[in-house]
């Protein structure tokens, strides 16, 4: 798949304010500072599409982008160590989960995980919730360019080992880098194939 156009559409405070669900949609989510904005910019060939910030928790709404005039990318607020109040975190959490459970045109959640870190509790819990809620998801391991090949392989192996203690099989995953563009073709190929499952998609 080639991305020809990528346009910011709107920011919504709730699912009720989101665009008409007439096109397939893919949501991107992860812990704060996992590299979500850089990933979206890399995938869409648009350096300024998603705003990059050194401050965790910058994304606070459901942000829709229209890709190739026929599918949506959604940038969701990050979770984790954003310095906001507990009430604000609770509000984000309710908004995100409501969107993920009820958005009828949502095809897949891309869950971004920092490949440099040990498995994080909130990542594992969120993954478990997605599975229990029967929401399709693909793990995108980010920042793979920040370490050597052996260290990367070791980190992924450790992640698999931990997950397979509770999971029957490893969820689908893609190794990515917003710097080297590793994984870009794999993500876009996945979207291209999944779009075909959307009713009426041409």
N, C-alpha and C. Protein backbone atom coordinates (compact mmCIF):
# COMPACT_ATOMS: atom_id res chain seq x y z
N UNK A 1 0.83 -1.20 0.00
CA UNK A 1 0.00 0.00 0.00
C UNK A 1 0.87 1.25 0.00
N UNK A 2 0.46 2.23 -0.80
CA UNK A 2 1.14 3.52 -0.82
C UNK A 2 0.20 4.57 -0.26
N UNK A 3 0.71 5.38 0.66
CA UNK A 3 -0.12 6.46 1.22
C UNK A 3 0.10 7.72 0.40
N UNK A 4 -0.96 8.17 -0.23
CA UNK A 4 -0.89 9.36 -1.09
C UNK A 4 -1.31 10.62 -0.35
N UNK A 5 -2.32 10.49 0.51
CA UNK A 5 -2.80 11.65 1.26
C UNK A 5 -3.04 11.26 2.72
N UNK A 6 -2.71 12.18 3.62
CA UNK A 6 -2.95 11.99 5.05
C UNK A 6 -3.32 13.36 5.62
N UNK A 7 -4.54 13.46 6.13
CA UNK A 7 -5.06 14.74 6.57
C UNK A 7 -5.64 14.65 7.97
N UNK A 8 -5.28 15.61 8.83
CA UNK A 8 -5.92 15.67 10.15
C UNK A 8 -7.39 16.03 9.95
N UNK A 9 -8.27 15.28 10.62
CA UNK A 9 -9.70 15.49 10.44
C UNK A 9 -10.32 16.22 11.62
N UNK A 10 -10.16 15.66 12.82
CA UNK A 10 -10.77 16.29 13.99
C UNK A 10 -10.26 15.66 15.28
N UNK A 11 -10.48 16.38 16.39
CA UNK A 11 -10.21 15.87 17.73
C UNK A 11 -11.55 15.78 18.46
N UNK A 12 -11.83 14.62 19.04
CA UNK A 12 -13.13 14.40 19.66
C UNK A 12 -12.99 14.06 21.14
N UNK A 13 -13.85 14.62 21.99
CA UNK A 13 -13.79 14.32 23.43
C UNK A 13 -14.51 13.03 23.80
N UNK A 14 -15.25 12.47 22.85
CA UNK A 14 -16.00 11.23 23.11
C UNK A 14 -16.33 10.55 21.80
N UNK A 15 -16.75 9.30 21.89
CA UNK A 15 -17.08 8.53 20.69
C UNK A 15 -18.24 9.16 19.92
N UNK A 16 -19.13 9.80 20.64
CA UNK A 16 -20.29 10.42 20.00
C UNK A 16 -19.93 11.57 19.08
N UNK A 17 -18.75 12.14 19.27
CA UNK A 17 -18.30 13.26 18.45
C UNK A 17 -17.39 12.82 17.31
N UNK A 18 -17.10 11.53 17.23
CA UNK A 18 -16.19 11.02 16.19
C UNK A 18 -16.86 11.08 14.81
N UNK A 19 -16.05 11.03 13.74
CA UNK A 19 -16.60 11.06 12.38
C UNK A 19 -17.52 9.87 12.11
N UNK A 20 -18.34 10.02 11.11
CA UNK A 20 -19.24 8.96 10.67
C UNK A 20 -18.43 7.68 10.43
N UNK A 21 -18.82 6.55 11.05
CA UNK A 21 -18.05 5.31 10.93
C UNK A 21 -18.25 4.58 9.61
N UNK A 22 -18.05 5.29 8.51
CA UNK A 22 -18.33 4.70 7.20
C UNK A 22 -17.09 4.13 6.53
N UNK A 23 -15.93 4.25 7.19
CA UNK A 23 -14.67 3.74 6.63
C UNK A 23 -13.94 2.91 7.69
N UNK A 24 -13.10 1.97 7.26
CA UNK A 24 -12.31 1.19 8.22
C UNK A 24 -11.38 2.09 9.02
N UNK A 25 -11.14 1.70 10.28
CA UNK A 25 -10.42 2.57 11.21
C UNK A 25 -9.40 1.75 12.02
N UNK A 26 -8.25 2.38 12.29
CA UNK A 26 -7.16 1.73 13.02
C UNK A 26 -6.69 2.67 14.13
N UNK A 27 -6.75 2.19 15.36
CA UNK A 27 -6.37 3.02 16.50
C UNK A 27 -4.96 2.70 16.96
N UNK A 28 -4.19 3.74 17.30
CA UNK A 28 -2.84 3.59 17.81
C UNK A 28 -2.82 4.05 19.27
N UNK A 29 -2.29 3.19 20.13
CA UNK A 29 -2.25 3.52 21.55
C UNK A 29 -1.01 2.90 22.19
N UNK A 30 -0.58 3.48 23.29
CA UNK A 30 0.58 2.95 24.01
C UNK A 30 0.88 3.82 25.22
N UNK A 31 1.86 3.40 25.99
CA UNK A 31 2.28 4.20 27.14
C UNK A 31 2.79 5.55 26.66
N UNK A 32 2.71 6.53 27.55
CA UNK A 32 3.21 7.86 27.23
C UNK A 32 4.69 7.78 26.82
N UNK A 33 5.04 8.52 25.79
CA UNK A 33 6.42 8.59 25.27
C UNK A 33 6.91 7.29 24.63
N UNK A 34 5.99 6.48 24.14
CA UNK A 34 6.40 5.23 23.49
C UNK A 34 6.82 5.46 22.04
N UNK A 35 6.56 6.68 21.53
CA UNK A 35 6.94 7.00 20.16
C UNK A 35 5.78 6.96 19.19
N UNK A 36 4.58 7.20 19.71
CA UNK A 36 3.36 7.08 18.89
C UNK A 36 3.30 8.12 17.77
N UNK A 37 3.56 9.37 18.10
CA UNK A 37 3.51 10.43 17.08
C UNK A 37 4.55 10.20 15.99
N UNK A 38 5.76 9.83 16.41
CA UNK A 38 6.82 9.55 15.43
C UNK A 38 6.43 8.40 14.51
N UNK A 39 5.79 7.39 15.10
CA UNK A 39 5.34 6.23 14.32
C UNK A 39 4.29 6.65 13.28
N UNK A 40 3.31 7.44 13.69
CA UNK A 40 2.26 7.87 12.77
C UNK A 40 2.84 8.72 11.64
N UNK A 41 3.76 9.59 11.98
CA UNK A 41 4.38 10.44 10.97
C UNK A 41 5.18 9.60 9.98
N UNK A 42 5.87 8.59 10.47
CA UNK A 42 6.66 7.72 9.61
C UNK A 42 5.76 6.91 8.68
N UNK A 43 4.71 6.34 9.22
CA UNK A 43 3.81 5.50 8.42
C UNK A 43 3.12 6.28 7.31
N UNK A 44 2.81 7.55 7.59
CA UNK A 44 2.04 8.35 6.63
C UNK A 44 2.91 9.25 5.74
N UNK A 45 4.25 9.18 5.94
CA UNK A 45 5.17 10.05 5.17
C UNK A 45 4.88 11.53 5.38
N UNK A 46 4.46 11.87 6.59
CA UNK A 46 4.07 13.25 6.87
C UNK A 46 4.68 13.67 8.20
N UNK A 47 5.78 14.39 8.16
CA UNK A 47 6.55 14.70 9.37
C UNK A 47 5.75 15.45 10.42
N UNK A 48 4.83 16.28 10.01
CA UNK A 48 4.11 17.09 10.99
C UNK A 48 2.68 16.66 11.23
N UNK A 49 2.31 15.46 10.78
CA UNK A 49 0.91 15.05 10.90
C UNK A 49 0.49 14.94 12.37
N UNK A 50 1.23 14.14 13.13
CA UNK A 50 0.96 14.02 14.57
C UNK A 50 2.01 14.82 15.31
N UNK A 51 1.59 15.63 16.24
CA UNK A 51 2.50 16.50 16.98
C UNK A 51 3.36 15.69 17.94
N UNK A 52 4.66 15.89 17.87
CA UNK A 52 5.59 15.19 18.75
C UNK A 52 5.93 16.09 19.93
N UNK A 53 5.85 15.51 21.12
CA UNK A 53 6.15 16.30 22.32
C UNK A 53 6.99 15.49 23.28
N UNK A 54 7.92 16.17 23.97
CA UNK A 54 8.70 15.51 25.00
C UNK A 54 7.90 15.36 26.28
N UNK A 55 6.74 15.98 26.34
CA UNK A 55 5.91 15.91 27.54
C UNK A 55 4.90 14.78 27.42
N UNK A 56 4.99 13.78 28.30
CA UNK A 56 4.01 12.69 28.29
C UNK A 56 2.59 13.23 28.48
N UNK A 57 1.65 12.60 27.80
CA UNK A 57 0.25 12.97 28.01
C UNK A 57 -0.23 14.12 27.17
N UNK A 58 0.48 14.45 26.09
CA UNK A 58 0.08 15.58 25.26
C UNK A 58 -1.23 15.30 24.52
N UNK A 59 -1.37 14.06 24.02
CA UNK A 59 -2.62 13.69 23.34
C UNK A 59 -3.71 13.46 24.38
N UNK A 60 -4.77 14.24 24.31
CA UNK A 60 -5.82 14.13 25.33
C UNK A 60 -7.20 13.86 24.73
N UNK A 61 -7.28 13.79 23.42
CA UNK A 61 -8.55 13.58 22.75
C UNK A 61 -8.42 12.42 21.77
N UNK A 62 -9.52 12.05 21.14
CA UNK A 62 -9.52 11.03 20.09
C UNK A 62 -9.25 11.76 18.78
N UNK A 63 -8.05 11.61 18.26
CA UNK A 63 -7.64 12.35 17.06
C UNK A 63 -7.77 11.50 15.80
N UNK A 64 -8.58 11.95 14.87
CA UNK A 64 -8.81 11.24 13.62
C UNK A 64 -8.00 11.84 12.46
N UNK A 65 -7.41 10.96 11.66
CA UNK A 65 -6.72 11.36 10.44
C UNK A 65 -7.31 10.55 9.28
N UNK A 66 -7.56 11.20 8.17
CA UNK A 66 -8.10 10.54 6.99
C UNK A 66 -6.94 10.18 6.06
N UNK A 67 -6.84 8.89 5.73
CA UNK A 67 -5.74 8.39 4.92
C UNK A 67 -6.28 7.94 3.56
N UNK A 68 -5.65 8.45 2.49
CA UNK A 68 -6.04 8.07 1.12
C UNK A 68 -7.53 8.23 0.84
N UNK A 69 -8.17 9.10 1.62
CA UNK A 69 -9.60 9.38 1.45
C UNK A 69 -10.51 8.18 1.69
N UNK A 70 -9.94 7.06 2.22
CA UNK A 70 -10.82 5.89 2.38
C UNK A 70 -10.58 5.06 3.64
N UNK A 71 -9.72 5.49 4.55
CA UNK A 71 -9.63 4.84 5.86
C UNK A 71 -9.09 5.82 6.89
N UNK A 72 -9.36 5.49 8.16
CA UNK A 72 -8.99 6.39 9.25
C UNK A 72 -7.84 5.82 10.09
N UNK A 73 -6.98 6.71 10.54
CA UNK A 73 -6.03 6.43 11.62
C UNK A 73 -6.50 7.23 12.83
N UNK A 74 -6.46 6.62 14.00
CA UNK A 74 -6.86 7.30 15.23
C UNK A 74 -5.70 7.29 16.22
N UNK A 75 -5.36 8.47 16.69
CA UNK A 75 -4.32 8.65 17.69
C UNK A 75 -5.01 8.82 19.04
N UNK A 76 -4.85 7.82 19.91
CA UNK A 76 -5.51 7.85 21.22
C UNK A 76 -4.55 8.34 22.31
N UNK A 77 -5.07 8.90 23.39
CA UNK A 77 -4.20 9.32 24.49
C UNK A 77 -3.36 8.17 25.02
N UNK A 78 -2.12 8.48 25.38
CA UNK A 78 -1.25 7.45 25.96
C UNK A 78 -1.63 7.18 27.41
N UNK A 79 -1.17 6.05 27.92
CA UNK A 79 -1.39 5.75 29.33
C UNK A 79 -0.03 5.56 29.99
N UNK A 80 0.00 5.58 31.31
CA UNK A 80 1.28 5.40 31.99
C UNK A 80 1.60 6.55 32.91
N UNK A 81 2.75 7.21 32.64
CA UNK A 81 3.26 8.15 33.64
C UNK A 81 2.98 9.61 33.33
N UNK A 82 1.97 9.91 32.56
CA UNK A 82 1.62 11.31 32.28
C UNK A 82 1.29 12.02 33.60
N UNK A 83 1.84 13.22 33.75
CA UNK A 83 1.67 13.97 35.00
C UNK A 83 0.35 14.74 34.99
N UNK A 84 -0.70 14.01 35.22
CA UNK A 84 -2.03 14.63 35.32
C UNK A 84 -2.72 14.05 36.54
N UNK A 85 -3.82 14.66 36.91
CA UNK A 85 -4.54 14.23 38.11
C UNK A 85 -5.19 12.86 37.90
N UNK A 86 -5.48 12.20 39.03
CA UNK A 86 -6.13 10.89 38.96
C UNK A 86 -7.50 10.99 38.30
N UNK A 87 -8.19 12.10 38.55
CA UNK A 87 -9.52 12.26 37.95
C UNK A 87 -9.40 12.40 36.42
N UNK A 88 -8.34 13.09 35.97
CA UNK A 88 -8.12 13.25 34.54
C UNK A 88 -7.78 11.91 33.91
N UNK A 89 -6.93 11.13 34.58
CA UNK A 89 -6.56 9.79 34.09
C UNK A 89 -7.81 8.92 33.99
N UNK A 90 -8.66 8.98 35.00
CA UNK A 90 -9.89 8.18 35.01
C UNK A 90 -10.80 8.59 33.85
N UNK A 91 -10.84 9.89 33.56
CA UNK A 91 -11.66 10.39 32.46
C UNK A 91 -11.14 9.89 31.11
N UNK A 92 -9.82 9.95 30.94
CA UNK A 92 -9.20 9.43 29.71
C UNK A 92 -9.51 7.95 29.55
N UNK A 93 -9.33 7.20 30.66
CA UNK A 93 -9.50 5.76 30.62
C UNK A 93 -10.91 5.39 30.20
N UNK A 94 -11.89 6.08 30.76
CA UNK A 94 -13.30 5.82 30.41
C UNK A 94 -13.55 6.16 28.94
N UNK A 95 -13.01 7.28 28.48
CA UNK A 95 -13.19 7.71 27.09
C UNK A 95 -12.57 6.69 26.13
N UNK A 96 -11.36 6.25 26.44
CA UNK A 96 -10.65 5.31 25.56
C UNK A 96 -11.37 3.97 25.50
N UNK A 97 -11.72 3.43 26.66
CA UNK A 97 -12.35 2.11 26.68
C UNK A 97 -13.74 2.15 26.03
N UNK A 98 -14.46 3.23 26.23
CA UNK A 98 -15.77 3.38 25.61
C UNK A 98 -15.62 3.39 24.08
N UNK A 99 -14.63 4.14 23.61
CA UNK A 99 -14.36 4.19 22.17
C UNK A 99 -13.99 2.79 21.64
N UNK A 100 -13.08 2.11 22.30
CA UNK A 100 -12.60 0.82 21.82
C UNK A 100 -13.70 -0.24 21.81
N UNK A 101 -14.59 -0.17 22.79
CA UNK A 101 -15.66 -1.17 22.89
C UNK A 101 -16.81 -0.91 21.91
N UNK A 102 -17.05 0.37 21.59
CA UNK A 102 -18.28 0.71 20.86
C UNK A 102 -18.07 1.22 19.44
N UNK A 103 -16.85 1.53 19.05
CA UNK A 103 -16.62 2.08 17.72
C UNK A 103 -16.77 0.96 16.69
N UNK A 104 -17.84 1.00 15.94
CA UNK A 104 -18.23 -0.14 15.10
C UNK A 104 -17.33 -0.37 13.90
N UNK A 105 -16.61 0.66 13.44
CA UNK A 105 -15.76 0.50 12.26
C UNK A 105 -14.29 0.27 12.63
N UNK A 106 -14.02 0.08 13.93
CA UNK A 106 -12.64 -0.17 14.38
C UNK A 106 -12.21 -1.57 13.96
N UNK A 107 -11.18 -1.64 13.13
CA UNK A 107 -10.72 -2.92 12.60
C UNK A 107 -9.65 -3.57 13.49
N UNK A 108 -8.72 -2.74 13.97
CA UNK A 108 -7.59 -3.24 14.75
C UNK A 108 -7.04 -2.13 15.64
N UNK A 109 -6.56 -2.53 16.79
CA UNK A 109 -5.80 -1.62 17.66
C UNK A 109 -4.32 -1.96 17.49
N UNK A 110 -3.51 -0.96 17.17
CA UNK A 110 -2.07 -1.14 17.16
C UNK A 110 -1.55 -0.69 18.52
N UNK A 111 -1.06 -1.65 19.29
CA UNK A 111 -0.56 -1.38 20.64
C UNK A 111 0.95 -1.21 20.59
N UNK A 112 1.41 0.00 20.85
CA UNK A 112 2.84 0.31 20.77
C UNK A 112 3.52 0.00 22.10
N UNK A 113 4.63 -0.73 22.02
CA UNK A 113 5.39 -1.12 23.20
C UNK A 113 6.87 -0.84 22.96
N UNK A 114 7.52 -0.19 23.90
CA UNK A 114 8.94 0.15 23.79
C UNK A 114 9.77 -1.12 23.90
N UNK A 115 10.47 -1.45 22.82
CA UNK A 115 11.24 -2.71 22.76
C UNK A 115 12.42 -2.74 23.71
N UNK A 116 12.81 -1.58 24.25
CA UNK A 116 13.99 -1.51 25.13
C UNK A 116 13.68 -1.91 26.56
N UNK A 117 12.38 -1.93 26.92
CA UNK A 117 11.99 -2.11 28.31
C UNK A 117 11.56 -3.54 28.63
N UNK A 118 11.69 -3.88 29.91
CA UNK A 118 11.10 -5.11 30.41
C UNK A 118 9.58 -5.01 30.25
N UNK A 119 8.88 -6.13 30.17
CA UNK A 119 7.42 -6.06 30.08
C UNK A 119 6.84 -5.22 31.21
N UNK A 120 6.02 -4.23 30.85
CA UNK A 120 5.45 -3.30 31.81
C UNK A 120 4.04 -3.75 32.22
N UNK A 121 3.75 -3.59 33.50
CA UNK A 121 2.47 -4.07 34.03
C UNK A 121 1.28 -3.47 33.30
N UNK A 122 1.33 -2.15 33.04
CA UNK A 122 0.14 -1.54 32.41
C UNK A 122 -0.01 -1.97 30.95
N UNK A 123 1.09 -2.27 30.27
CA UNK A 123 0.99 -2.82 28.91
C UNK A 123 0.33 -4.20 28.94
N UNK A 124 0.79 -5.04 29.86
CA UNK A 124 0.27 -6.41 29.96
C UNK A 124 -1.21 -6.41 30.34
N UNK A 125 -1.58 -5.51 31.26
CA UNK A 125 -2.98 -5.43 31.68
C UNK A 125 -3.88 -4.94 30.55
N UNK A 126 -3.37 -3.97 29.79
CA UNK A 126 -4.17 -3.44 28.69
C UNK A 126 -4.34 -4.49 27.59
N UNK A 127 -3.27 -5.24 27.33
CA UNK A 127 -3.32 -6.32 26.35
C UNK A 127 -4.35 -7.37 26.76
N UNK A 128 -4.34 -7.69 28.05
CA UNK A 128 -5.29 -8.68 28.58
C UNK A 128 -6.72 -8.17 28.42
N UNK A 129 -6.93 -6.89 28.69
CA UNK A 129 -8.27 -6.30 28.55
C UNK A 129 -8.73 -6.35 27.09
N UNK A 130 -7.84 -6.04 26.16
CA UNK A 130 -8.19 -6.10 24.73
C UNK A 130 -8.63 -7.52 24.35
N UNK A 131 -7.86 -8.49 24.82
CA UNK A 131 -8.17 -9.89 24.50
C UNK A 131 -9.50 -10.31 25.10
N UNK A 132 -9.73 -9.96 26.37
CA UNK A 132 -10.98 -10.31 27.05
C UNK A 132 -12.17 -9.63 26.38
N UNK A 133 -11.93 -8.43 25.84
CA UNK A 133 -13.00 -7.67 25.18
C UNK A 133 -13.17 -8.05 23.72
N UNK A 134 -12.34 -9.01 23.27
CA UNK A 134 -12.37 -9.51 21.89
C UNK A 134 -12.15 -8.39 20.87
N UNK A 135 -11.20 -7.52 21.19
CA UNK A 135 -10.81 -6.43 20.29
C UNK A 135 -9.52 -6.83 19.60
N UNK A 136 -9.51 -6.97 18.27
CA UNK A 136 -8.29 -7.38 17.57
C UNK A 136 -7.17 -6.36 17.78
N UNK A 137 -5.97 -6.87 18.04
CA UNK A 137 -4.84 -5.96 18.21
C UNK A 137 -3.55 -6.57 17.67
N UNK A 138 -2.64 -5.69 17.32
CA UNK A 138 -1.30 -6.09 16.87
C UNK A 138 -0.31 -5.27 17.68
N UNK A 139 0.71 -5.92 18.22
CA UNK A 139 1.75 -5.22 18.97
C UNK A 139 2.76 -4.62 17.99
N UNK A 140 3.08 -3.35 18.18
CA UNK A 140 4.17 -2.72 17.43
C UNK A 140 5.29 -2.43 18.42
N UNK A 141 6.38 -3.19 18.34
CA UNK A 141 7.53 -2.93 19.19
C UNK A 141 8.30 -1.74 18.59
N UNK A 142 8.39 -0.66 19.36
CA UNK A 142 9.00 0.58 18.85
C UNK A 142 10.46 0.72 19.29
N UNK A 143 11.14 1.69 18.66
CA UNK A 143 12.50 2.09 19.03
C UNK A 143 13.51 0.95 18.92
N UNK A 144 13.31 0.07 17.94
CA UNK A 144 14.22 -1.06 17.78
C UNK A 144 15.61 -0.63 17.30
N UNK A 145 15.72 0.59 16.78
CA UNK A 145 17.02 1.10 16.32
C UNK A 145 17.90 1.57 17.47
N UNK A 146 17.35 1.59 18.69
CA UNK A 146 18.08 2.13 19.84
C UNK A 146 19.00 1.11 20.49
N UNK A 147 19.07 -0.11 19.95
CA UNK A 147 19.92 -1.15 20.55
C UNK A 147 20.43 -2.08 19.46
N UNK A 148 21.39 -2.92 19.83
CA UNK A 148 21.94 -3.88 18.87
C UNK A 148 20.98 -5.02 18.60
N UNK A 149 21.27 -5.77 17.55
CA UNK A 149 20.40 -6.87 17.13
C UNK A 149 20.28 -7.93 18.22
N UNK A 150 21.39 -8.28 18.85
CA UNK A 150 21.37 -9.33 19.89
C UNK A 150 20.52 -8.92 21.08
N UNK A 151 20.66 -7.65 21.50
CA UNK A 151 19.87 -7.15 22.63
C UNK A 151 18.39 -7.12 22.28
N UNK A 152 18.08 -6.71 21.06
CA UNK A 152 16.69 -6.67 20.61
C UNK A 152 16.09 -8.07 20.63
N UNK A 153 16.80 -9.03 20.06
CA UNK A 153 16.31 -10.41 20.02
C UNK A 153 16.09 -10.96 21.43
N UNK A 154 17.02 -10.61 22.33
CA UNK A 154 16.90 -11.06 23.72
C UNK A 154 15.67 -10.45 24.39
N UNK A 155 15.43 -9.15 24.15
CA UNK A 155 14.29 -8.48 24.74
C UNK A 155 12.97 -9.06 24.24
N UNK A 156 12.90 -9.33 22.94
CA UNK A 156 11.67 -9.90 22.37
C UNK A 156 11.44 -11.31 22.90
N UNK A 157 12.52 -12.07 23.02
CA UNK A 157 12.43 -13.43 23.56
C UNK A 157 11.91 -13.41 25.00
N UNK A 158 12.39 -12.44 25.78
CA UNK A 158 11.93 -12.31 27.17
C UNK A 158 10.44 -11.96 27.21
N UNK A 159 10.02 -11.11 26.28
CA UNK A 159 8.62 -10.72 26.23
C UNK A 159 7.75 -11.94 25.89
N UNK A 160 8.19 -12.70 24.91
CA UNK A 160 7.45 -13.91 24.53
C UNK A 160 7.35 -14.87 25.70
N UNK A 161 8.48 -15.06 26.39
CA UNK A 161 8.51 -16.00 27.51
C UNK A 161 7.50 -15.61 28.58
N UNK A 162 7.44 -14.31 28.90
CA UNK A 162 6.51 -13.86 29.92
C UNK A 162 5.06 -14.02 29.46
N UNK A 163 4.78 -13.62 28.23
CA UNK A 163 3.40 -13.70 27.73
C UNK A 163 2.90 -15.14 27.66
N UNK A 164 3.78 -16.03 27.25
CA UNK A 164 3.36 -17.41 27.05
C UNK A 164 3.13 -18.16 28.36
N UNK A 165 3.40 -17.50 29.48
CA UNK A 165 3.03 -18.08 30.77
C UNK A 165 1.52 -18.05 30.94
N UNK A 166 0.87 -17.07 30.32
CA UNK A 166 -0.59 -16.92 30.46
C UNK A 166 -1.35 -17.04 29.14
N UNK A 167 -0.66 -16.84 28.02
CA UNK A 167 -1.30 -16.87 26.72
C UNK A 167 -0.97 -18.18 26.01
N UNK A 168 -1.93 -18.67 25.21
CA UNK A 168 -1.69 -19.89 24.45
C UNK A 168 -0.68 -19.67 23.34
N UNK A 169 -0.69 -18.48 22.78
CA UNK A 169 0.28 -18.14 21.74
C UNK A 169 0.58 -16.65 21.80
N UNK A 170 1.72 -16.29 21.24
CA UNK A 170 2.13 -14.89 21.22
C UNK A 170 1.21 -14.10 20.30
N UNK A 171 0.68 -12.96 20.76
CA UNK A 171 -0.11 -12.13 19.86
C UNK A 171 0.73 -11.70 18.66
N UNK A 172 0.06 -11.38 17.57
CA UNK A 172 0.77 -10.91 16.38
C UNK A 172 1.56 -9.65 16.72
N UNK A 173 2.81 -9.58 16.23
CA UNK A 173 3.62 -8.40 16.52
C UNK A 173 4.48 -8.03 15.32
N UNK A 174 4.89 -6.76 15.28
CA UNK A 174 5.74 -6.25 14.21
C UNK A 174 6.84 -5.41 14.86
N UNK A 175 8.08 -5.62 14.47
CA UNK A 175 9.20 -4.81 14.93
C UNK A 175 9.24 -3.53 14.10
N UNK A 176 9.35 -2.38 14.77
CA UNK A 176 9.29 -1.11 14.04
C UNK A 176 10.37 -0.14 14.51
N UNK A 177 10.63 0.82 13.65
CA UNK A 177 11.51 1.96 13.99
C UNK A 177 11.07 3.15 13.16
N UNK A 178 10.79 4.25 13.82
CA UNK A 178 10.39 5.45 13.08
C UNK A 178 11.60 6.10 12.41
N UNK A 179 12.82 5.71 12.83
CA UNK A 179 14.04 6.24 12.25
C UNK A 179 14.42 5.48 10.97
N UNK A 180 14.53 4.16 11.09
CA UNK A 180 14.93 3.35 9.93
C UNK A 180 13.76 2.93 9.06
N UNK A 181 12.54 3.19 9.55
CA UNK A 181 11.29 2.81 8.86
C UNK A 181 11.06 1.30 8.83
N UNK A 182 11.76 0.59 9.71
CA UNK A 182 11.53 -0.84 9.86
C UNK A 182 10.07 -1.09 10.22
N UNK A 183 9.45 -2.04 9.57
CA UNK A 183 8.07 -2.42 9.88
C UNK A 183 7.00 -1.63 9.14
N UNK A 184 7.40 -0.57 8.46
CA UNK A 184 6.42 0.27 7.77
C UNK A 184 5.63 -0.54 6.75
N UNK A 185 6.33 -1.27 5.90
CA UNK A 185 5.65 -2.06 4.86
C UNK A 185 4.75 -3.12 5.47
N UNK A 186 5.20 -3.72 6.59
CA UNK A 186 4.40 -4.77 7.24
C UNK A 186 3.10 -4.20 7.80
N UNK A 187 3.19 -3.02 8.43
CA UNK A 187 1.98 -2.40 8.98
C UNK A 187 1.01 -2.03 7.87
N UNK A 188 1.53 -1.41 6.82
CA UNK A 188 0.65 -0.97 5.72
C UNK A 188 0.07 -2.16 4.95
N UNK A 189 0.82 -3.23 4.84
CA UNK A 189 0.30 -4.45 4.19
C UNK A 189 -0.83 -5.05 5.03
N UNK A 190 -0.64 -5.02 6.35
CA UNK A 190 -1.68 -5.52 7.25
C UNK A 190 -2.95 -4.71 7.07
N UNK A 191 -2.82 -3.38 7.04
CA UNK A 191 -3.99 -2.50 6.86
C UNK A 191 -4.66 -2.77 5.51
N UNK A 192 -3.85 -2.91 4.48
CA UNK A 192 -4.40 -3.14 3.13
C UNK A 192 -5.24 -4.40 3.09
N UNK A 193 -4.75 -5.47 3.72
CA UNK A 193 -5.49 -6.73 3.72
C UNK A 193 -6.73 -6.65 4.60
N UNK A 194 -6.61 -5.98 5.74
CA UNK A 194 -7.72 -5.90 6.69
C UNK A 194 -8.83 -4.99 6.16
N UNK A 195 -8.46 -3.96 5.41
CA UNK A 195 -9.47 -3.07 4.81
C UNK A 195 -10.46 -3.85 3.96
N UNK A 196 -9.99 -4.92 3.33
CA UNK A 196 -10.84 -5.72 2.45
C UNK A 196 -11.99 -6.39 3.19
N UNK A 197 -11.83 -6.51 4.52
CA UNK A 197 -12.87 -7.14 5.34
C UNK A 197 -14.00 -6.19 5.71
N UNK A 198 -13.76 -4.90 5.47
CA UNK A 198 -14.77 -3.89 5.82
C UNK A 198 -15.90 -3.91 4.79
N UNK A 199 -17.15 -4.01 5.22
CA UNK A 199 -18.29 -4.08 4.30
C UNK A 199 -18.31 -2.90 3.32
N UNK A 200 -18.35 -3.21 2.03
CA UNK A 200 -18.46 -2.17 1.02
C UNK A 200 -17.16 -1.49 0.64
N UNK A 201 -16.04 -1.92 1.29
CA UNK A 201 -14.75 -1.27 0.98
C UNK A 201 -14.29 -1.66 -0.42
N UNK A 202 -13.83 -0.68 -1.20
CA UNK A 202 -13.36 -0.96 -2.56
C UNK A 202 -11.86 -0.70 -2.64
